[in-house]
Amino acid sequence: MNGYSGRPGFGVMPPVGTNASLGSAEVTAIVNHERSTWGNNAKRVTEEEIKKIMDFVKLQAPK
Protein backbone atom coordinates (compact mmCIF):
# COMPACT_ATOMS: atom_id res chain seq x y z
CA MET A 1 0.00 0.00 0.00
CA ASN A 2 2.76 2.45 0.92
CA GLY A 3 5.47 1.14 -1.41
CA TYR A 4 9.09 0.75 -0.34
CA SER A 5 12.62 1.58 -1.32
CA GLY A 6 14.20 -1.11 -3.42
CA ARG A 7 16.97 -3.34 -2.17
CA PRO A 8 20.29 -3.06 -3.96
CA GLY A 9 19.74 -4.38 -7.47
CA PHE A 10 15.95 -3.95 -7.31
CA GLY A 11 13.76 -1.00 -8.19
CA VAL A 12 11.56 1.06 -5.95
CA MET A 13 7.93 -0.05 -5.51
CA PRO A 14 5.66 3.01 -5.66
CA PRO A 15 2.76 3.35 -3.21
CA VAL A 16 0.20 1.98 -5.65
CA GLY A 17 -2.50 1.39 -3.06
CA THR A 18 -2.47 4.92 -1.77
CA ASN A 19 -1.72 6.61 -5.12
CA ALA A 20 -4.59 4.85 -6.87
CA SER A 21 -6.95 5.45 -3.91
CA LEU A 22 -8.00 1.81 -3.95
CA GLY A 23 -10.80 0.95 -1.58
CA SER A 24 -11.03 -2.17 0.55
CA ALA A 25 -13.29 -3.89 -2.02
CA GLU A 26 -10.73 -3.40 -4.82
CA VAL A 27 -7.82 -4.52 -2.67
CA THR A 28 -9.79 -7.59 -1.55
CA ALA A 29 -10.49 -8.49 -5.19
CA ILE A 30 -6.80 -8.13 -6.12
CA VAL A 31 -5.60 -10.18 -3.15
CA ASN A 32 -8.13 -12.95 -3.78
CA HIS A 33 -7.21 -13.02 -7.47
CA GLU A 34 -3.53 -13.49 -6.66
CA ARG A 35 -4.33 -16.09 -4.01
CA SER A 36 -6.40 -18.20 -6.44
CA THR A 37 -4.49 -18.00 -9.75
CA TRP A 38 -1.12 -19.11 -11.14
CA GLY A 39 -1.41 -22.42 -9.29
CA ASN A 40 -2.15 -20.79 -5.91
CA ASN A 41 -4.82 -22.37 -3.76
CA ALA A 42 -4.93 -20.10 -0.70
CA LYS A 43 -7.93 -19.28 1.47
CA ARG A 44 -9.96 -16.27 0.35
CA VAL A 45 -9.77 -13.14 2.46
CA THR A 46 -12.73 -10.99 3.43
CA GLU A 47 -13.14 -7.29 2.90
CA GLU A 48 -13.28 -6.86 6.69
CA GLU A 49 -9.84 -8.48 7.04
CA ILE A 50 -8.41 -6.22 4.34
CA LYS A 51 -10.00 -3.13 5.91
CA LYS A 52 -8.28 -3.88 9.24
CA ILE A 53 -4.92 -4.26 7.49
CA MET A 54 -5.43 -1.10 5.44
CA ASP A 55 -6.28 0.88 8.58
CA PHE A 56 -3.13 -0.45 10.27
CA VAL A 57 -0.97 0.36 7.24
CA LYS A 58 -2.32 3.92 7.14
CA LEU A 59 -1.13 4.39 10.73
CA GLN A 60 2.36 3.20 9.71
CA ALA A 61 2.61 5.40 6.61
CA PRO A 62 5.31 8.07 6.61
CA LYS A 63 3.82 11.47 7.13
PDB file of N, CA and C in Angstrom:
ATOM      1  N   MET A   1       0.815  -1.194   0.000  1.00  0.00           N
ATOM      2  CA  MET A   1       0.000   0.000   0.000  1.00  0.00           C
ATOM      3  C   MET A   1       0.860   1.260   0.000  1.00  0.00           C
ATOM      4  N   ASN A   2       1.927   1.252   0.796  1.00  0.00           N
ATOM      5  CA  ASN A   2       2.763   2.451   0.917  1.00  0.00           C
ATOM      6  C   ASN A   2       4.024   2.395   0.064  1.00  0.00           C
ATOM      7  N   GLY A   3       4.245   1.291  -0.627  1.00  0.00           N
ATOM      8  CA  GLY A   3       5.466   1.144  -1.410  1.00  0.00           C
ATOM      9  C   GLY A   3       6.679   0.964  -0.501  1.00  0.00           C
ATOM     10  N   TYR A   4       7.854   0.873  -1.102  1.00  0.00           N
ATOM     11  CA  TYR A   4       9.092   0.745  -0.337  1.00  0.00           C
ATOM     12  C   TYR A   4      10.275   1.035  -1.223  1.00  0.00           C
ATOM     13  N   SER A   5      11.378   1.366  -0.584  1.00  0.00           N
ATOM     14  CA  SER A   5      12.623   1.578  -1.322  1.00  0.00           C
ATOM     15  C   SER A   5      13.178   0.227  -1.719  1.00  0.00           C
ATOM     16  N   GLY A   6      13.681   0.153  -2.920  1.00  0.00           N
ATOM     17  CA  GLY A   6      14.203  -1.109  -3.419  1.00  0.00           C
ATOM     18  C   GLY A   6      15.491  -1.519  -2.733  1.00  0.00           C
ATOM     19  N   ARG A   7      15.692  -2.816  -2.638  1.00  0.00           N
ATOM     20  CA  ARG A   7      16.969  -3.345  -2.170  1.00  0.00           C
ATOM     21  C   ARG A   7      17.993  -3.114  -3.261  1.00  0.00           C
ATOM     22  N   PRO A   8      19.266  -3.194  -2.915  1.00  0.00           N
ATOM     23  CA  PRO A   8      20.288  -3.056  -3.961  1.00  0.00           C
ATOM     24  C   PRO A   8      20.012  -4.044  -5.100  1.00  0.00           C
ATOM     25  N   GLY A   9      19.990  -3.547  -6.306  1.00  0.00           N
ATOM     26  CA  GLY A   9      19.736  -4.382  -7.470  1.00  0.00           C
ATOM     27  C   GLY A   9      18.264  -4.480  -7.856  1.00  0.00           C
ATOM     28  N   PHE A  10      17.389  -3.911  -7.033  1.00  0.00           N
ATOM     29  CA  PHE A  10      15.953  -3.946  -7.312  1.00  0.00           C
ATOM     30  C   PHE A  10      15.421  -2.522  -7.355  1.00  0.00           C
ATOM     31  N   GLY A  11      14.352  -2.335  -8.076  1.00  0.00           N
ATOM     32  CA  GLY A  11      13.762  -1.005  -8.188  1.00  0.00           C
ATOM     33  C   GLY A  11      12.882  -0.657  -7.001  1.00  0.00           C
ATOM     34  N   VAL A  12      12.449   0.564  -6.985  1.00  0.00           N
ATOM     35  CA  VAL A  12      11.556   1.057  -5.952  1.00  0.00           C
ATOM     36  C   VAL A  12      10.126   0.658  -6.299  1.00  0.00           C
ATOM     37  N   MET A  13       9.343   0.253  -5.295  1.00  0.00           N
ATOM     38  CA  MET A  13       7.926  -0.051  -5.512  1.00  0.00           C
ATOM     39  C   MET A  13       7.124   1.173  -5.080  1.00  0.00           C
ATOM     40  N   PRO A  14       6.432   1.815  -6.021  1.00  0.00           N
ATOM     41  CA  PRO A  14       5.663   3.010  -5.660  1.00  0.00           C
ATOM     42  C   PRO A  14       4.458   2.642  -4.791  1.00  0.00           C
ATOM     43  N   PRO A  15       3.926   3.608  -4.060  1.00  0.00           N
ATOM     44  CA  PRO A  15       2.764   3.345  -3.214  1.00  0.00           C
ATOM     45  C   PRO A  15       1.479   3.245  -4.038  1.00  0.00           C
ATOM     46  N   VAL A  16       1.332   2.153  -4.739  1.00  0.00           N
ATOM     47  CA  VAL A  16       0.201   1.984  -5.653  1.00  0.00           C
ATOM     48  C   VAL A  16      -1.130   2.050  -4.923  1.00  0.00           C
ATOM     49  N   GLY A  17      -1.229   1.409  -3.782  1.00  0.00           N
ATOM     50  CA  GLY A  17      -2.502   1.387  -3.060  1.00  0.00           C
ATOM     51  C   GLY A  17      -2.972   2.754  -2.656  1.00  0.00           C
ATOM     52  N   THR A  18      -2.066   3.589  -2.190  1.00  0.00           N
ATOM     53  CA  THR A  18      -2.471   4.925  -1.773  1.00  0.00           C
ATOM     54  C   THR A  18      -2.544   5.874  -2.955  1.00  0.00           C
ATOM     55  N   ASN A  19      -1.677   5.727  -3.943  1.00  0.00           N
ATOM     56  CA  ASN A  19      -1.720   6.607  -5.125  1.00  0.00           C
ATOM     57  C   ASN A  19      -2.988   6.391  -5.932  1.00  0.00           C
ATOM     58  N   ALA A  20      -3.425   5.165  -6.052  1.00  0.00           N
ATOM     59  CA  ALA A  20      -4.594   4.852  -6.866  1.00  0.00           C
ATOM     60  C   ALA A  20      -5.891   4.986  -6.069  1.00  0.00           C
ATOM     61  N   SER A  21      -5.778   5.302  -4.780  1.00  0.00           N
ATOM     62  CA  SER A  21      -6.953   5.447  -3.908  1.00  0.00           C
ATOM     63  C   SER A  21      -7.842   4.212  -3.971  1.00  0.00           C
ATOM     64  N   LEU A  22      -7.226   3.051  -3.918  1.00  0.00           N
ATOM     65  CA  LEU A  22      -7.997   1.813  -3.954  1.00  0.00           C
ATOM     66  C   LEU A  22      -8.760   1.639  -2.644  1.00  0.00           C
ATOM     67  N   GLY A  23      -9.998   1.224  -2.755  1.00  0.00           N
ATOM     68  CA  GLY A  23     -10.803   0.945  -1.579  1.00  0.00           C
ATOM     69  C   GLY A  23     -10.623  -0.488  -1.131  1.00  0.00           C
ATOM     70  N   SER A  24     -11.198  -0.823   0.009  1.00  0.00           N
ATOM     71  CA  SER A  24     -11.035  -2.173   0.548  1.00  0.00           C
ATOM     72  C   SER A  24     -11.632  -3.231  -0.373  1.00  0.00           C
ATOM     73  N   ALA A  25     -12.696  -2.909  -1.099  1.00  0.00           N
ATOM     74  CA  ALA A  25     -13.290  -3.886  -2.022  1.00  0.00           C
ATOM     75  C   ALA A  25     -12.337  -4.206  -3.168  1.00  0.00           C
ATOM     76  N   GLU A  26     -11.682  -3.168  -3.720  1.00  0.00           N
ATOM     77  CA  GLU A  26     -10.733  -3.400  -4.818  1.00  0.00           C
ATOM     78  C   GLU A  26      -9.510  -4.174  -4.355  1.00  0.00           C
ATOM     79  N   VAL A  27      -8.996  -3.816  -3.185  1.00  0.00           N
ATOM     80  CA  VAL A  27      -7.816  -4.522  -2.668  1.00  0.00           C
ATOM     81  C   VAL A  27      -8.165  -5.976  -2.367  1.00  0.00           C
ATOM     82  N   THR A  28      -9.343  -6.219  -1.818  1.00  0.00           N
ATOM     83  CA  THR A  28      -9.789  -7.590  -1.551  1.00  0.00           C
ATOM     84  C   THR A  28      -9.848  -8.395  -2.845  1.00  0.00           C
ATOM     85  N   ALA A  29     -10.393  -7.804  -3.898  1.00  0.00           N
ATOM     86  CA  ALA A  29     -10.489  -8.492  -5.190  1.00  0.00           C
ATOM     87  C   ALA A  29      -9.104  -8.827  -5.738  1.00  0.00           C
ATOM     88  N   ILE A  30      -8.170  -7.890  -5.626  1.00  0.00           N
ATOM     89  CA  ILE A  30      -6.802  -8.133  -6.116  1.00  0.00           C
ATOM     90  C   ILE A  30      -6.136  -9.242  -5.326  1.00  0.00           C
ATOM     91  N   VAL A  31      -6.228  -9.172  -4.000  1.00  0.00           N
ATOM     92  CA  VAL A  31      -5.597 -10.183  -3.148  1.00  0.00           C
ATOM     93  C   VAL A  31      -6.189 -11.558  -3.435  1.00  0.00           C
ATOM     94  N   ASN A  32      -7.504 -11.651  -3.520  1.00  0.00           N
ATOM     95  CA  ASN A  32      -8.132 -12.951  -3.785  1.00  0.00           C
ATOM     96  C   ASN A  32      -7.783 -13.475  -5.173  1.00  0.00           C
ATOM     97  N   HIS A  33      -7.631 -12.587  -6.139  1.00  0.00           N
ATOM     98  CA  HIS A  33      -7.211 -13.025  -7.472  1.00  0.00           C
ATOM     99  C   HIS A  33      -5.816 -13.644  -7.414  1.00  0.00           C
ATOM    100  N   GLU A  34      -4.904 -12.967  -6.752  1.00  0.00           N
ATOM    101  CA  GLU A  34      -3.534 -13.492  -6.656  1.00  0.00           C
ATOM    102  C   GLU A  34      -3.474 -14.775  -5.839  1.00  0.00           C
ATOM    103  N   ARG A  35      -4.342 -14.902  -4.858  1.00  0.00           N
ATOM    104  CA  ARG A  35      -4.329 -16.091  -4.009  1.00  0.00           C
ATOM    105  C   ARG A  35      -4.981 -17.306  -4.683  1.00  0.00           C
ATOM    106  N   SER A  36      -5.686 -17.080  -5.812  1.00  0.00           N
ATOM    107  CA  SER A  36      -6.395 -18.197  -6.442  1.00  0.00           C
ATOM    108  C   SER A  36      -5.987 -18.452  -7.888  1.00  0.00           C
ATOM    109  N   THR A  37      -4.943 -17.775  -8.373  1.00  0.00           N
ATOM    110  CA  THR A  37      -4.493 -17.997  -9.746  1.00  0.00           C
ATOM    111  C   THR A  37      -3.033 -18.405  -9.755  1.00  0.00           C
ATOM    112  N   TRP A  38      -2.517 -18.709 -10.932  1.00  0.00           N
ATOM    113  CA  TRP A  38      -1.119 -19.109 -11.137  1.00  0.00           C
ATOM    114  C   TRP A  38      -0.744 -20.307 -10.260  1.00  0.00           C
ATOM    115  N   GLY A  39      -1.682 -21.218 -10.065  1.00  0.00           N
ATOM    116  CA  GLY A  39      -1.411 -22.420  -9.285  1.00  0.00           C
ATOM    117  C   GLY A  39      -1.570 -22.228  -7.783  1.00  0.00           C
ATOM    118  N   ASN A  40      -1.943 -21.024  -7.347  1.00  0.00           N
ATOM    119  CA  ASN A  40      -2.147 -20.792  -5.911  1.00  0.00           C
ATOM    120  C   ASN A  40      -3.503 -21.331  -5.495  1.00  0.00           C
ATOM    121  N   ASN A  41      -3.572 -21.820  -4.277  1.00  0.00           N
ATOM    122  CA  ASN A  41      -4.818 -22.369  -3.758  1.00  0.00           C
ATOM    123  C   ASN A  41      -4.996 -21.919  -2.310  1.00  0.00           C
ATOM    124  N   ALA A  42      -4.847 -20.628  -2.058  1.00  0.00           N
ATOM    125  CA  ALA A  42      -4.932 -20.101  -0.696  1.00  0.00           C
ATOM    126  C   ALA A  42      -6.371 -19.745  -0.344  1.00  0.00           C
ATOM    127  N   LYS A  43      -6.626 -19.669   0.950  1.00  0.00           N
ATOM    128  CA  LYS A  43      -7.930 -19.280   1.470  1.00  0.00           C
ATOM    129  C   LYS A  43      -8.259 -17.850   1.050  1.00  0.00           C
ATOM    130  N   ARG A  44      -9.521 -17.616   0.714  1.00  0.00           N
ATOM    131  CA  ARG A  44      -9.964 -16.271   0.349  1.00  0.00           C
ATOM    132  C   ARG A  44      -9.946 -15.382   1.580  1.00  0.00           C
ATOM    133  N   VAL A  45      -9.708 -14.105   1.371  1.00  0.00           N
ATOM    134  CA  VAL A  45      -9.766 -13.136   2.458  1.00  0.00           C
ATOM    135  C   VAL A  45     -11.063 -12.348   2.334  1.00  0.00           C
ATOM    136  N   THR A  46     -11.501 -11.785   3.448  1.00  0.00           N
ATOM    137  CA  THR A  46     -12.727 -10.994   3.430  1.00  0.00           C
ATOM    138  C   THR A  46     -12.387  -9.512   3.357  1.00  0.00           C
ATOM    139  N   GLU A  47     -13.349  -8.732   2.950  1.00  0.00           N
ATOM    140  CA  GLU A  47     -13.144  -7.287   2.895  1.00  0.00           C
ATOM    141  C   GLU A  47     -12.880  -6.727   4.295  1.00  0.00           C
ATOM    142  N   GLU A  48     -13.500  -7.310   5.309  1.00  0.00           N
ATOM    143  CA  GLU A  48     -13.276  -6.855   6.686  1.00  0.00           C
ATOM    144  C   GLU A  48     -11.823  -7.068   7.108  1.00  0.00           C
ATOM    145  N   GLU A  49     -11.252  -8.217   6.728  1.00  0.00           N
ATOM    146  CA  GLU A  49      -9.841  -8.484   7.042  1.00  0.00           C
ATOM    147  C   GLU A  49      -8.929  -7.466   6.363  1.00  0.00           C
ATOM    148  N   ILE A  50      -9.216  -7.182   5.101  1.00  0.00           N
ATOM    149  CA  ILE A  50      -8.410  -6.224   4.343  1.00  0.00           C
ATOM    150  C   ILE A  50      -8.558  -4.824   4.931  1.00  0.00           C
ATOM    151  N   LYS A  51      -9.761  -4.452   5.319  1.00  0.00           N
ATOM    152  CA  LYS A  51      -9.997  -3.125   5.906  1.00  0.00           C
ATOM    153  C   LYS A  51      -9.153  -2.941   7.167  1.00  0.00           C
ATOM    154  N   LYS A  52      -9.101  -3.957   8.016  1.00  0.00           N
ATOM    155  CA  LYS A  52      -8.283  -3.880   9.240  1.00  0.00           C
ATOM    156  C   LYS A  52      -6.811  -3.659   8.893  1.00  0.00           C
ATOM    157  N   ILE A  53      -6.326  -4.390   7.900  1.00  0.00           N
ATOM    158  CA  ILE A  53      -4.924  -4.260   7.488  1.00  0.00           C
ATOM    159  C   ILE A  53      -4.681  -2.879   6.892  1.00  0.00           C
ATOM    160  N   MET A  54      -5.601  -2.416   6.049  1.00  0.00           N
ATOM    161  CA  MET A  54      -5.432  -1.099   5.439  1.00  0.00           C
ATOM    162  C   MET A  54      -5.411   0.002   6.499  1.00  0.00           C
ATOM    163  N   ASP A  55      -6.270  -0.110   7.505  1.00  0.00           N
ATOM    164  CA  ASP A  55      -6.283   0.880   8.583  1.00  0.00           C
ATOM    165  C   ASP A  55      -4.963   0.861   9.337  1.00  0.00           C
ATOM    166  N   PHE A  56      -4.419  -0.329   9.591  1.00  0.00           N
ATOM    167  CA  PHE A  56      -3.131  -0.447  10.275  1.00  0.00           C
ATOM    168  C   PHE A  56      -2.010   0.156   9.436  1.00  0.00           C
ATOM    169  N   VAL A  57      -2.013  -0.145   8.145  1.00  0.00           N
ATOM    170  CA  VAL A  57      -0.967   0.356   7.239  1.00  0.00           C
ATOM    171  C   VAL A  57      -1.006   1.886   7.167  1.00  0.00           C
ATOM    172  N   LYS A  58      -2.203   2.456   7.167  1.00  0.00           N
ATOM    173  CA  LYS A  58      -2.320   3.922   7.144  1.00  0.00           C
ATOM    174  C   LYS A  58      -1.655   4.542   8.361  1.00  0.00           C
ATOM    175  N   LEU A  59      -1.769   3.880   9.520  1.00  0.00           N
ATOM    176  CA  LEU A  59      -1.127   4.387  10.735  1.00  0.00           C
ATOM    177  C   LEU A  59       0.393   4.342  10.630  1.00  0.00           C
ATOM    178  N   GLN A  60       0.926   3.390   9.854  1.00  0.00           N
ATOM    179  CA  GLN A  60       2.362   3.202   9.710  1.00  0.00           C
ATOM    180  C   GLN A  60       2.963   4.045   8.594  1.00  0.00           C
ATOM    181  N   ALA A  61       2.129   4.658   7.781  1.00  0.00           N
ATOM    182  CA  ALA A  61       2.611   5.397   6.612  1.00  0.00           C
ATOM    183  C   ALA A  61       3.443   6.609   7.045  1.00  0.00           C
ATOM    184  N   PRO A  62       4.523   6.862   6.312  1.00  0.00           N
ATOM    185  CA  PRO A  62       5.312   8.069   6.609  1.00  0.00           C
ATOM    186  C   PRO A  62       4.457   9.311   6.390  1.00  0.00           C
ATOM    187  N   LYS A  63       4.638  10.252   7.225  1.00  0.00           N
ATOM    188  CA  LYS A  63       3.819  11.468   7.133  1.00  0.00           C
ATOM    189  C   LYS A  63       4.583  12.597   6.504  1.00  0.00           C
TER     190      LYS A  63
END
